[in-house]
């Protein structure tokens, strides 16, 4: 009987070692149960004095092999859990190539143009104080020009979301002396109603040039040349008198509406032109506020960057720039 148990043990262990899959292990387990039935049936035929020793041997064999089967099941379960399932016959998903957002793309175009002209780039905080955003730009608390920019004020006194990136220029002038040429790109905030040309959050690229002999002709060249380099030499630019508290004289910069060819449409509000920038010679009060002489000369300009992609890509409404219309982006 002992020899029979040893033979069955070796036979089952050999099968267990080859059980590299659940179905093979199940076959070994079925064979083990069949062997146990045979052993217990055989034990019944033995004399009473032999049953005790044989029963102990059978129980030891049963316990040992049940533990080995349990260990084999655990091993196979862990292998299956960690196994990477790859079906090479499954079609691969369609690859959609991402694109740079039109705002970023056109903004980078202008940045590169101005860097080629010799400008440096300056950045500043989006959460500003009243001093940098208004007071030092010739707009004290009582100045009516503040109403031109509906501002998002925060709960903390005299703290706000910047309404233009001119405050970056103020911070730069407080730390640097002329001559210099900088642009200050970034996001700004105003309490504007959403329409084809306005959103409460938009982007600007402002420029500031300060140095001896700077004049209005230099300003006109810098603005016009940047338009030609980005949009093409045939593109129309119009300068017209305007008012800004931080420049004198001041000019509004309009570009011909590419949507209607200058005939007038909803996008340009029937004028044939789109206001894209403001510009002018820096007001002496601004230079005085930052510690410069009132005799200092320089010019400043500010592009409404959201309107430039509208012209460049013929996007009818500014709000389309912030809506995830895949069909629109596929055309760009």
C-alpha atoms as a PDB file:
ATOM      1  CA  UNK A   1       0.000   0.000   0.000  1.00  0.00           C
ATOM      2  CA  UNK A   2       2.853   2.347   0.851  1.00  0.00           C
ATOM      3  CA  UNK A   3       4.426   1.671  -2.550  1.00  0.00           C
ATOM      4  CA  UNK A   4       1.115   2.410  -4.277  1.00  0.00           C
ATOM      5  CA  UNK A   5       0.879   5.782  -2.486  1.00  0.00           C
ATOM      6  CA  UNK A   6       4.456   6.674  -3.484  1.00  0.00           C
ATOM      7  CA  UNK A   7       3.786   5.792  -7.118  1.00  0.00           C
ATOM      8  CA  UNK A   8       0.636   7.912  -7.258  1.00  0.00           C
ATOM      9  CA  UNK A   9       2.422  10.764  -5.501  1.00  0.00           C
ATOM     10  CA  UNK A  10       5.218  10.816  -8.091  1.00  0.00           C
ATOM     11  CA  UNK A  11       2.718  10.583 -10.920  1.00  0.00           C
ATOM     12  CA  UNK A  12       0.644  13.496  -9.650  1.00  0.00           C
ATOM     13  CA  UNK A  13       3.695  15.671  -8.881  1.00  0.00           C
ATOM     14  CA  UNK A  14       4.954  15.157 -12.425  1.00  0.00           C
ATOM     15  CA  UNK A  15       1.599  16.336 -13.748  1.00  0.00           C
ATOM     16  CA  UNK A  16       1.627  19.285 -11.329  1.00  0.00           C
ATOM     17  CA  UNK A  17       5.006  20.488 -12.590  1.00  0.00           C
ATOM     18  CA  UNK A  18       3.660  20.539 -16.149  1.00  0.00           C
ATOM     19  CA  UNK A  19       0.531  22.488 -15.173  1.00  0.00           C
ATOM     20  CA  UNK A  20       1.333  25.845 -16.781  1.00  0.00           C
ATOM     21  CA  UNK A  21      -2.330  26.561 -17.497  1.00  0.00           C
ATOM     22  CA  UNK A  22      -5.615  26.372 -15.592  1.00  0.00           C
ATOM     23  CA  UNK A  23      -7.014  23.505 -17.694  1.00  0.00           C
ATOM     24  CA  UNK A  24      -3.934  21.326 -17.050  1.00  0.00           C
ATOM     25  CA  UNK A  25      -4.098  22.035 -13.322  1.00  0.00           C
ATOM     26  CA  UNK A  26      -7.769  21.082 -13.320  1.00  0.00           C
ATOM     27  CA  UNK A  27      -6.872  17.738 -14.949  1.00  0.00           C
ATOM     28  CA  UNK A  28      -4.273  17.044 -12.232  1.00  0.00           C
ATOM     29  CA  UNK A  29      -6.767  17.979  -9.517  1.00  0.00           C
ATOM     30  CA  UNK A  30      -9.361  15.576 -10.982  1.00  0.00           C
ATOM     31  CA  UNK A  31      -6.753  12.796 -11.083  1.00  0.00           C
ATOM     32  CA  UNK A  32      -5.866  13.512  -7.446  1.00  0.00           C
ATOM     33  CA  UNK A  33      -9.507  13.189  -6.350  1.00  0.00           C
ATOM     34  CA  UNK A  34      -9.802   9.923  -8.270  1.00  0.00           C
ATOM     35  CA  UNK A  35      -6.642   8.572  -6.574  1.00  0.00           C
ATOM     36  CA  UNK A  36      -7.990   9.522  -3.149  1.00  0.00           C
ATOM     37  CA  UNK A  37     -11.193   7.562  -3.812  1.00  0.00           C
ATOM     38  CA  UNK A  38      -9.128   4.533  -4.841  1.00  0.00           C
ATOM     39  CA  UNK A  39      -6.951   4.787  -1.700  1.00  0.00           C
ATOM     40  CA  UNK A  40      -9.887   5.047   0.692  1.00  0.00           C
ATOM     41  CA  UNK A  41     -11.663   2.170  -1.095  1.00  0.00           C
ATOM     42  CA  UNK A  42      -8.503   0.038  -0.862  1.00  0.00           C
ATOM     43  CA  UNK A  43      -8.046   0.886   2.832  1.00  0.00           C
ATOM     44  CA  UNK A  44     -11.472  -0.602   3.640  1.00  0.00           C
ATOM     45  CA  UNK A  45     -10.255  -4.010   2.483  1.00  0.00           C
ATOM     46  CA  UNK A  46      -7.208  -4.011   4.816  1.00  0.00           C
ATOM     47  CA  UNK A  47      -7.044  -5.789   8.179  1.00  0.00           C
ATOM     48  CA  UNK A  48      -7.950  -3.616  11.179  1.00  0.00           C
ATOM     49  CA  UNK A  49      -4.350  -3.551  12.523  1.00  0.00           C
ATOM     50  CA  UNK A  50      -3.068  -1.995   9.235  1.00  0.00           C
ATOM     51  CA  UNK A  51      -5.804   0.602   8.780  1.00  0.00           C
ATOM     52  CA  UNK A  52      -4.372   3.001  11.374  1.00  0.00           C
ATOM     53  CA  UNK A  53      -0.940   3.356   9.742  1.00  0.00           C
ATOM     54  CA  UNK A  54      -2.304   3.344   6.192  1.00  0.00           C
ATOM     55  CA  UNK A  55      -4.971   5.943   7.101  1.00  0.00           C
ATOM     56  CA  UNK A  56      -2.311   8.229   8.569  1.00  0.00           C
ATOM     57  CA  UNK A  57      -0.190   7.897   5.405  1.00  0.00           C
ATOM     58  CA  UNK A  58      -3.186   8.630   3.180  1.00  0.00           C
ATOM     59  CA  UNK A  59      -4.170  11.729   5.211  1.00  0.00           C
ATOM     60  CA  UNK A  60      -0.598  13.049   5.123  1.00  0.00           C
ATOM     61  CA  UNK A  61      -0.506  12.545   1.341  1.00  0.00           C
ATOM     62  CA  UNK A  62      -3.911  14.252   0.981  1.00  0.00           C
ATOM     63  CA  UNK A  63      -2.896  17.297   3.057  1.00  0.00           C
ATOM     64  CA  UNK A  64       0.461  17.705   1.306  1.00  0.00           C
ATOM     65  CA  UNK A  65      -1.005  17.505  -2.183  1.00  0.00           C
ATOM     66  CA  UNK A  66      -3.937  19.822  -1.435  1.00  0.00           C
ATOM     67  CA  UNK A  67      -1.409  22.465  -0.325  1.00  0.00           C
ATOM     68  CA  UNK A  68       0.583  21.995  -3.539  1.00  0.00           C
ATOM     69  CA  UNK A  69      -2.550  22.372  -5.680  1.00  0.00           C
ATOM     70  CA  UNK A  70      -3.566  25.521  -3.762  1.00  0.00           C
ATOM     71  CA  UNK A  71      -0.081  27.002  -4.289  1.00  0.00           C
ATOM     72  CA  UNK A  72      -0.224  26.166  -8.004  1.00  0.00           C
ATOM     73  CA  UNK A  73      -3.632  27.868  -8.320  1.00  0.00           C
ATOM     74  CA  UNK A  74      -2.316  30.999  -6.603  1.00  0.00           C
ATOM     75  CA  UNK A  75       0.726  31.096  -8.870  1.00  0.00           C
ATOM     76  CA  UNK A  76      -1.395  30.793 -12.019  1.00  0.00           C
ATOM     77  CA  UNK A  77      -3.796  33.467 -10.747  1.00  0.00           C
ATOM     78  CA  UNK A  78      -0.961  35.954 -10.187  1.00  0.00           C
ATOM     79  CA  UNK A  79       0.515  35.194 -13.595  1.00  0.00           C
ATOM     80  CA  UNK A  80      -2.838  35.833 -15.245  1.00  0.00           C
ATOM     81  CA  UNK A  81      -3.306  39.067 -13.315  1.00  0.00           C
ATOM     82  CA  UNK A  82       0.079  40.427 -14.376  1.00  0.00           C
ATOM     83  CA  UNK A  83      -0.144  39.150 -17.914  1.00  0.00           C
ATOM     84  CA  UNK A  84      -0.465  41.887 -20.545  1.00  0.00           C
ATOM     85  CA  UNK A  85      -3.253  40.908 -22.897  1.00  0.00           C
ATOM     86  CA  UNK A  86      -2.467  42.035 -26.431  1.00  0.00           C
ATOM     87  CA  UNK A  87      -4.695  41.147 -29.325  1.00  0.00           C
ATOM     88  CA  UNK A  88      -2.738  41.957 -32.466  1.00  0.00           C
ATOM     89  CA  UNK A  89      -5.824  41.411 -34.608  1.00  0.00           C
ATOM     90  CA  UNK A  90      -7.723  44.352 -33.059  1.00  0.00           C
ATOM     91  CA  UNK A  91      -7.628  47.439 -35.341  1.00  0.00           C
ATOM     92  CA  UNK A  92      -5.623  50.307 -33.846  1.00  0.00           C
ATOM     93  CA  UNK A  93      -7.531  53.481 -32.891  1.00  0.00           C
ATOM     94  CA  UNK A  94      -7.395  56.429 -35.249  1.00  0.00           C
ATOM     95  CA  UNK A  95      -4.486  58.728 -34.435  1.00  0.00           C
ATOM     96  CA  UNK A  96      -5.547  62.369 -34.236  1.00  0.00           C
ATOM     97  CA  UNK A  97      -2.663  64.801 -34.415  1.00  0.00           C
ATOM     98  CA  UNK A  98      -3.041  67.745 -32.069  1.00  0.00           C
ATOM     99  CA  UNK A  99      -2.604  71.331 -33.207  1.00  0.00           C
ATOM    100  CA  UNK A 100      -1.403  74.493 -31.552  1.00  0.00           C
ATOM    101  CA  UNK A 101      -4.326  76.757 -30.658  1.00  0.00           C
ATOM    102  CA  UNK A 102      -4.772  79.687 -33.099  1.00  0.00           C
ATOM    103  CA  UNK A 103      -4.292  82.188 -30.267  1.00  0.00           C
ATOM    104  CA  UNK A 104      -0.956  80.660 -29.309  1.00  0.00           C
ATOM    105  CA  UNK A 105       0.119  80.264 -32.925  1.00  0.00           C
ATOM    106  CA  UNK A 106      -0.571  83.880 -33.942  1.00  0.00           C
ATOM    107  CA  UNK A 107       0.809  85.144 -30.635  1.00  0.00           C
ATOM    108  CA  UNK A 108       4.074  83.322 -31.293  1.00  0.00           C
ATOM    109  CA  UNK A 109       4.193  84.781 -34.805  1.00  0.00           C
ATOM    110  CA  UNK A 110       4.077  88.301 -33.394  1.00  0.00           C
ATOM    111  CA  UNK A 111       6.569  87.462 -30.654  1.00  0.00           C
ATOM    112  CA  UNK A 112       9.034  86.147 -33.235  1.00  0.00           C
ATOM    113  CA  UNK A 113       8.584  89.245 -35.402  1.00  0.00           C
ATOM    114  CA  UNK A 114       9.277  91.571 -32.492  1.00  0.00           C
ATOM    115  CA  UNK A 115      12.251  89.527 -31.337  1.00  0.00           C
ATOM    116  CA  UNK A 116      13.673  89.870 -34.856  1.00  0.00           C
ATOM    117  CA  UNK A 117      13.257  93.642 -34.459  1.00  0.00           C
ATOM    118  CA  UNK A 118      15.262  93.559 -31.232  1.00  0.00           C
ATOM    119  CA  UNK A 119      12.501  93.498 -28.608  1.00  0.00           C
ATOM    120  CA  UNK A 120      12.821  91.593 -25.327  1.00  0.00           C
ATOM    121  CA  UNK A 121       9.861  89.843 -23.650  1.00  0.00           C
ATOM    122  CA  UNK A 122       8.665  90.872 -20.178  1.00  0.00           C
ATOM    123  CA  UNK A 123       6.075  89.115 -18.021  1.00  0.00           C
ATOM    124  CA  UNK A 124       4.114  90.137 -14.940  1.00  0.00           C
ATOM    125  CA  UNK A 125       1.410  88.905 -12.529  1.00  0.00           C
ATOM    126  CA  UNK A 126      -2.213  88.573 -13.597  1.00  0.00           C
ATOM    127  CA  UNK A 127      -3.412  89.607 -10.124  1.00  0.00           C
ATOM    128  CA  UNK A 128      -2.390  93.245  -9.860  1.00  0.00           C
ATOM    129  CA  UNK A 129      -2.815  96.240  -7.583  1.00  0.00           C
ATOM    130  CA  UNK A 130      -4.541  99.500  -8.382  1.00  0.00           C
ATOM    131  CA  UNK A 131      -1.246 101.411  -8.354  1.00  0.00           C
ATOM    132  CA  UNK A 132       0.366  99.518 -11.230  1.00  0.00           C
ATOM    133  CA  UNK A 133      -2.826  98.966 -13.226  1.00  0.00           C
ATOM    134  CA  UNK A 134      -4.209 102.504 -13.032  1.00  0.00           C
ATOM    135  CA  UNK A 135      -2.541 105.151 -10.869  1.00  0.00           C
ATOM    136  CA  UNK A 136       0.926 105.011 -12.452  1.00  0.00           C
ATOM    137  CA  UNK A 137      -0.653 104.987 -15.919  1.00  0.00           C
ATOM    138  CA  UNK A 138      -2.075 108.494 -15.485  1.00  0.00           C
ATOM    139  CA  UNK A 139      -5.406 107.242 -14.128  1.00  0.00           C
ATOM    140  CA  UNK A 140      -5.827 108.322 -10.470  1.00  0.00           C
ATOM    141  CA  UNK A 141      -8.865 107.069  -8.579  1.00  0.00           C
ATOM    142  CA  UNK A 142     -11.025 110.016  -9.711  1.00  0.00           C
ATOM    143  CA  UNK A 143     -10.107 109.770 -13.421  1.00  0.00           C
ATOM    144  CA  UNK A 144     -13.141 109.063 -15.674  1.00  0.00           C
ATOM    145  CA  UNK A 145     -10.959 106.992 -18.053  1.00  0.00           C
ATOM    146  CA  UNK A 146     -11.164 104.135 -15.553  1.00  0.00           C
ATOM    147  CA  UNK A 147     -14.722 103.578 -16.733  1.00  0.00           C
ATOM    148  CA  UNK A 148     -13.340 102.626 -20.172  1.00  0.00           C
ATOM    149  CA  UNK A 149     -12.186  99.317 -18.677  1.00  0.00           C
ATOM    150  CA  UNK A 150     -14.788  97.505 -16.576  1.00  0.00           C
ATOM    151  CA  UNK A 151     -12.548  95.807 -14.048  1.00  0.00           C
ATOM    152  CA  UNK A 152     -12.779  92.622 -11.977  1.00  0.00           C
ATOM    153  CA  UNK A 153     -11.949  93.754  -8.432  1.00  0.00           C
ATOM    154  CA  UNK A 154     -11.079  91.207  -5.756  1.00  0.00           C
ATOM    155  CA  UNK A 155     -12.222  91.263  -2.126  1.00  0.00           C
ATOM    156  CA  UNK A 156      -8.816  92.466  -0.927  1.00  0.00           C
ATOM    157  CA  UNK A 157      -8.683  96.308  -1.138  1.00  0.00           C
ATOM    158  CA  UNK A 158      -7.167  97.736  -4.337  1.00  0.00           C
ATOM    159  CA  UNK A 159      -6.400  94.277  -5.757  1.00  0.00           C
ATOM    160  CA  UNK A 160      -7.773  93.316  -9.155  1.00  0.00           C
ATOM    161  CA  UNK A 161      -7.388  91.139 -12.229  1.00  0.00           C
ATOM    162  CA  UNK A 162      -5.257  93.179 -14.609  1.00  0.00           C
ATOM    163  CA  UNK A 163      -7.271  94.877 -17.340  1.00  0.00           C
ATOM    164  CA  UNK A 164      -4.246  95.269 -19.653  1.00  0.00           C
ATOM    165  CA  UNK A 165      -0.590  94.268 -19.739  1.00  0.00           C
ATOM    166  CA  UNK A 166       0.486  97.924 -19.524  1.00  0.00           C
ATOM    167  CA  UNK A 167       1.077  97.243 -15.834  1.00  0.00           C
ATOM    168  CA  UNK A 168       3.916  94.914 -16.883  1.00  0.00           C
ATOM    169  CA  UNK A 169       5.527  97.882 -18.626  1.00  0.00           C
ATOM    170  CA  UNK A 170       5.202  99.953 -15.447  1.00  0.00           C
ATOM    171  CA  UNK A 171       6.924  97.252 -13.411  1.00  0.00           C
ATOM    172  CA  UNK A 172       9.661  96.985 -16.036  1.00  0.00           C
ATOM    173  CA  UNK A 173      10.309 100.753 -16.041  1.00  0.00           C
ATOM    174  CA  UNK A 174      10.562 100.762 -12.242  1.00  0.00           C
ATOM    175  CA  UNK A 175      13.466  98.309 -12.501  1.00  0.00           C
ATOM    176  CA  UNK A 176      15.187  99.401 -15.747  1.00  0.00           C
ATOM    177  CA  UNK A 177      16.505 102.582 -17.267  1.00  0.00           C
ATOM    178  CA  UNK A 178      16.237 103.565 -20.961  1.00  0.00           C
ATOM    179  CA  UNK A 179      16.931 102.727 -23.693  1.00  0.00           C
ATOM    180  CA  UNK A 180      14.973  99.497 -24.103  1.00  0.00           C
ATOM    181  CA  UNK A 181      12.426  97.754 -26.339  1.00  0.00           C
ATOM    182  CA  UNK A 182      10.032  95.243 -24.758  1.00  0.00           C
ATOM    183  CA  UNK A 183       6.788  93.424 -25.464  1.00  0.00           C
ATOM    184  CA  UNK A 184       4.531  92.082 -22.717  1.00  0.00           C
ATOM    185  CA  UNK A 185       2.198  89.285 -23.877  1.00  0.00           C
ATOM    186  CA  UNK A 186      -0.409  87.807 -21.572  1.00  0.00           C
ATOM    187  CA  UNK A 187      -4.012  87.287 -20.558  1.00  0.00           C
ATOM    188  CA  UNK A 188      -6.162  90.177 -19.290  1.00  0.00           C
ATOM    189  CA  UNK A 189      -9.663  90.457 -17.832  1.00  0.00           C
ATOM    190  CA  UNK A 190     -12.528  92.890 -18.330  1.00  0.00           C
ATOM    191  CA  UNK A 191     -16.230  92.763 -17.522  1.00  0.00           C
ATOM    192  CA  UNK A 192     -17.275  92.546 -21.181  1.00  0.00           C
ATOM    193  CA  UNK A 193     -20.409  91.018 -22.630  1.00  0.00           C
ATOM    194  CA  UNK A 194     -19.654  88.172 -25.044  1.00  0.00           C
ATOM    195  CA  UNK A 195     -20.202  89.190 -28.668  1.00  0.00           C
ATOM    196  CA  UNK A 196     -18.386  88.532 -31.991  1.00  0.00           C
ATOM    197  CA  UNK A 197     -15.487  90.803 -30.913  1.00  0.00           C
ATOM    198  CA  UNK A 198     -15.479  90.643 -27.093  1.00  0.00           C
ATOM    199  CA  UNK A 199     -14.948  88.148 -24.282  1.00  0.00           C
ATOM    200  CA  UNK A 200     -14.332  88.783 -20.551  1.00  0.00           C
ATOM    201  CA  UNK A 201     -10.938  87.055 -20.755  1.00  0.00           C
ATOM    202  CA  UNK A 202      -8.645  87.765 -23.683  1.00  0.00           C
ATOM    203  CA  UNK A 203      -5.001  88.123 -24.680  1.00  0.00           C
ATOM    204  CA  UNK A 204      -2.845  91.137 -25.416  1.00  0.00           C
ATOM    205  CA  UNK A 205       0.624  91.761 -26.770  1.00  0.00           C
ATOM    206  CA  UNK A 206       1.746  95.203 -25.670  1.00  0.00           C
ATOM    207  CA  UNK A 207       4.962  96.895 -26.703  1.00  0.00           C
ATOM    208  CA  UNK A 208       7.054  99.698 -25.221  1.00  0.00           C
ATOM    209  CA  UNK A 209      10.036 101.465 -26.768  1.00  0.00           C
ATOM    210  CA  UNK A 210      11.861 104.150 -24.773  1.00  0.00           C
ATOM    211  CA  UNK A 211      14.973 105.952 -25.921  1.00  0.00           C
ATOM    212  CA  UNK A 212      16.423 109.155 -27.275  1.00  0.00           C
ATOM    213  CA  UNK A 213      14.842 110.494 -30.465  1.00  0.00           C
ATOM    214  CA  UNK A 214      11.882 108.075 -30.545  1.00  0.00           C
ATOM    215  CA  UNK A 215       8.937 109.561 -32.448  1.00  0.00           C
ATOM    216  CA  UNK A 216       5.534 108.780 -33.927  1.00  0.00           C
ATOM    217  CA  UNK A 217       7.047 107.702 -37.248  1.00  0.00           C
ATOM    218  CA  UNK A 218       8.948 104.935 -35.420  1.00  0.00           C
ATOM    219  CA  UNK A 219       5.690 103.786 -33.848  1.00  0.00           C
ATOM    220  CA  UNK A 220       3.886 103.683 -37.182  1.00  0.00           C
ATOM    221  CA  UNK A 221       6.708 101.684 -38.762  1.00  0.00           C
ATOM    222  CA  UNK A 222       6.874  99.127 -35.907  1.00  0.00           C
ATOM    223  CA  UNK A 223       3.117  98.481 -35.998  1.00  0.00           C
ATOM    224  CA  UNK A 224       2.792  98.434 -39.794  1.00  0.00           C
ATOM    225  CA  UNK A 225       5.892  96.292 -40.307  1.00  0.00           C
ATOM    226  CA  UNK A 226       4.705  93.652 -37.827  1.00  0.00           C
ATOM    227  CA  UNK A 227       1.383  93.396 -39.704  1.00  0.00           C
ATOM    228  CA  UNK A 228       3.165  93.007 -43.040  1.00  0.00           C
ATOM    229  CA  UNK A 229       5.455  90.270 -41.716  1.00  0.00           C
ATOM    230  CA  UNK A 230       2.605  88.237 -40.209  1.00  0.00           C
ATOM    231  CA  UNK A 231      -0.307  88.861 -42.601  1.00  0.00           C
ATOM    232  CA  UNK A 232       1.452  89.882 -45.809  1.00  0.00           C
ATOM    233  CA  UNK A 233       2.536  93.154 -47.468  1.00  0.00           C
ATOM    234  CA  UNK A 234      -0.853  93.731 -49.106  1.00  0.00           C
ATOM    235  CA  UNK A 235      -2.769  93.939 -45.837  1.00  0.00           C
ATOM    236  CA  UNK A 236      -4.368  97.322 -45.038  1.00  0.00           C
ATOM    237  CA  UNK A 237      -3.696  99.151 -41.767  1.00  0.00           C
ATOM    238  CA  UNK A 238      -5.417 102.379 -40.721  1.00  0.00           C
ATOM    239  CA  UNK A 239      -4.364 104.814 -37.973  1.00  0.00           C
ATOM    240  CA  UNK A 240      -6.952 107.213 -36.605  1.00  0.00           C
ATOM    241  CA  UNK A 241      -6.986 109.699 -33.682  1.00  0.00           C
ATOM    242  CA  UNK A 242      -8.065 108.181 -30.404  1.00  0.00           C
ATOM    243  CA  UNK A 243      -7.849 108.750 -26.660  1.00  0.00           C
ATOM    244  CA  UNK A 244      -5.850 106.722 -24.163  1.00  0.00           C
ATOM    245  CA  UNK A 245      -4.901 108.249 -20.799  1.00  0.00           C
ATOM    246  CA  UNK A 246      -1.362 106.850 -20.856  1.00  0.00           C
ATOM    247  CA  UNK A 247      -0.370 108.070 -24.353  1.00  0.00           C
ATOM    248  CA  UNK A 248      -0.424 111.488 -26.048  1.00  0.00           C
ATOM    249  CA  UNK A 249      -0.942 111.692 -28.968  1.00  0.00           C
ATOM    250  CA  UNK A 250      -2.860 108.427 -29.269  1.00  0.00           C
ATOM    251  CA  UNK A 251      -3.990 106.391 -32.245  1.00  0.00           C
ATOM    252  CA  UNK A 252      -6.364 103.518 -32.859  1.00  0.00           C
ATOM    253  CA  UNK A 253      -5.072 100.828 -35.204  1.00  0.00           C
ATOM    254  CA  UNK A 254      -7.604  99.152 -37.495  1.00  0.00           C
ATOM    255  CA  UNK A 255      -7.098  96.360 -40.002  1.00  0.00           C
ATOM    256  CA  UNK A 256      -9.286  95.741 -43.030  1.00  0.00           C
ATOM    257  CA  UNK A 257     -11.946  93.117 -42.338  1.00  0.00           C
ATOM    258  CA  UNK A 258     -10.974  90.037 -44.300  1.00  0.00           C
ATOM    259  CA  UNK A 259     -14.429  88.502 -43.758  1.00  0.00           C
ATOM    260  CA  UNK A 260     -16.176  90.992 -46.039  1.00  0.00           C
ATOM    261  CA  UNK A 261     -13.296  92.601 -47.928  1.00  0.00           C
ATOM    262  CA  UNK A 262     -14.116  95.979 -46.405  1.00  0.00           C
ATOM    263  CA  UNK A 263     -17.781  95.987 -47.466  1.00  0.00           C
ATOM    264  CA  UNK A 264     -19.135  95.690 -43.938  1.00  0.00           C
ATOM    265  CA  UNK A 265     -20.432  92.641 -42.065  1.00  0.00           C
ATOM    266  CA  UNK A 266     -21.564  91.448 -38.638  1.00  0.00           C
ATOM    267  CA  UNK A 267     -18.014  90.691 -37.540  1.00  0.00           C
ATOM    268  CA  UNK A 268     -16.739  94.234 -38.235  1.00  0.00           C
ATOM    269  CA  UNK A 269     -20.092  95.779 -37.243  1.00  0.00           C
ATOM    270  CA  UNK A 270     -20.618  97.126 -40.748  1.00  0.00           C
ATOM    271  CA  UNK A 271     -17.507  99.349 -40.795  1.00  0.00           C
ATOM    272  CA  UNK A 272     -15.228  97.260 -43.016  1.00  0.00           C
ATOM    273  CA  UNK A 273     -12.503  97.589 -40.363  1.00  0.00           C
ATOM    274  CA  UNK A 274     -11.637  95.795 -37.133  1.00  0.00           C
ATOM    275  CA  UNK A 275     -10.013  97.578 -34.192  1.00  0.00           C
ATOM    276  CA  UNK A 276      -6.998  95.455 -33.312  1.00  0.00           C
ATOM    277  CA  UNK A 277      -4.641  97.753 -31.418  1.00  0.00           C
ATOM    278  CA  UNK A 278      -4.175 101.012 -29.588  1.00  0.00           C
ATOM    279  CA  UNK A 279      -0.963 103.022 -29.729  1.00  0.00           C
ATOM    280  CA  UNK A 280       0.643 106.367 -29.015  1.00  0.00           C
ATOM    281  CA  UNK A 281       3.541 108.294 -27.528  1.00  0.00           C
ATOM    282  CA  UNK A 282       3.915 107.576 -23.808  1.00  0.00           C
ATOM    283  CA  UNK A 283       2.423 110.349 -21.665  1.00  0.00           C
ATOM    284  CA  UNK A 284       4.969 112.396 -19.640  1.00  0.00           C
ATOM    285  CA  UNK A 285       2.936 111.727 -16.481  1.00  0.00           C
ATOM    286  CA  UNK A 286       3.650 108.002 -16.864  1.00  0.00           C
ATOM    287  CA  UNK A 287       7.391 108.597 -17.153  1.00  0.00           C
ATOM    288  CA  UNK A 288       7.269 110.878 -14.126  1.00  0.00           C
ATOM    289  CA  UNK A 289       5.383 108.240 -12.105  1.00  0.00           C
ATOM    290  CA  UNK A 290       8.146 105.658 -12.633  1.00  0.00           C
ATOM    291  CA  UNK A 291      10.935 108.099 -11.798  1.00  0.00           C
ATOM    292  CA  UNK A 292      11.977 109.125 -15.312  1.00  0.00           C
ATOM    293  CA  UNK A 293      12.369 112.679 -16.543  1.00  0.00           C
ATOM    294  CA  UNK A 294       9.289 114.215 -18.153  1.00  0.00           C
ATOM    295  CA  UNK A 295      11.509 114.865 -21.161  1.00  0.00           C
ATOM    296  CA  UNK A 296      11.870 111.103 -21.771  1.00  0.00           C
ATOM    297  CA  UNK A 297      10.301 109.953 -25.031  1.00  0.00           C
ATOM    298  CA  UNK A 298       8.929 106.602 -26.123  1.00  0.00           C
ATOM    299  CA  UNK A 299       5.976 104.905 -27.743  1.00  0.00           C
ATOM    300  CA  UNK A 300       3.635 102.112 -26.711  1.00  0.00           C
ATOM    301  CA  UNK A 301       1.193  99.852 -28.533  1.00  0.00           C
ATOM    302  CA  UNK A 302      -1.165  97.095 -27.517  1.00  0.00           C
ATOM    303  CA  UNK A 303      -2.588  94.364 -29.752  1.00  0.00           C
ATOM    304  CA  UNK A 304      -5.899  92.699 -28.952  1.00  0.00           C
ATOM    305  CA  UNK A 305      -4.526  89.269 -29.726  1.00  0.00           C
ATOM    306  CA  UNK A 306      -7.918  87.532 -29.845  1.00  0.00           C
ATOM    307  CA  UNK A 307      -8.942  89.509 -32.913  1.00  0.00           C
ATOM    308  CA  UNK A 308      -5.800  88.727 -34.892  1.00  0.00           C
ATOM    309  CA  UNK A 309      -6.518  84.952 -35.280  1.00  0.00           C
ATOM    310  CA  UNK A 310     -10.028  85.909 -36.406  1.00  0.00           C
ATOM    311  CA  UNK A 311      -8.487  87.818 -39.309  1.00  0.00           C
ATOM    312  CA  UNK A 312      -5.684  85.348 -39.941  1.00  0.00           C
ATOM    313  CA  UNK A 313      -7.943  82.257 -40.024  1.00  0.00           C
ATOM    314  CA  UNK A 314     -11.217  83.955 -41.034  1.00  0.00           C
ATOM    315  CA  UNK A 315     -13.006  83.003 -37.822  1.00  0.00           C
ATOM    316  CA  UNK A 316     -16.298  84.905 -37.730  1.00  0.00           C
ATOM    317  CA  UNK A 317     -16.741  85.145 -33.958  1.00  0.00           C
ATOM    318  CA  UNK A 318     -14.197  85.485 -31.174  1.00  0.00           C
ATOM    319  CA  UNK A 319     -16.035  83.036 -28.918  1.00  0.00           C
ATOM    320  CA  UNK A 320     -15.333  80.279 -31.467  1.00  0.00           C
ATOM    321  CA  UNK A 321     -11.727  80.410 -30.226  1.00  0.00           C
ATOM    322  CA  UNK A 322     -12.899  79.002 -26.886  1.00  0.00           C
ATOM    323  CA  UNK A 323     -15.398  76.409 -28.109  1.00  0.00           C
ATOM    324  CA  UNK A 324     -14.174  72.892 -28.819  1.00  0.00           C
ATOM    325  CA  UNK A 325     -15.465  72.623 -32.361  1.00  0.00           C
ATOM    326  CA  UNK A 326     -13.372  69.858 -33.908  1.00  0.00           C
ATOM    327  CA  UNK A 327     -14.708  70.691 -37.370  1.00  0.00           C
ATOM    328  CA  UNK A 328     -13.336  74.236 -37.038  1.00  0.00           C
ATOM    329  CA  UNK A 329      -9.878  73.147 -35.850  1.00  0.00           C
ATOM    330  CA  UNK A 330      -9.623  70.600 -38.680  1.00  0.00           C
ATOM    331  CA  UNK A 331      -9.926  73.438 -41.196  1.00  0.00           C
ATOM    332  CA  UNK A 332      -7.050  75.444 -39.713  1.00  0.00           C
END
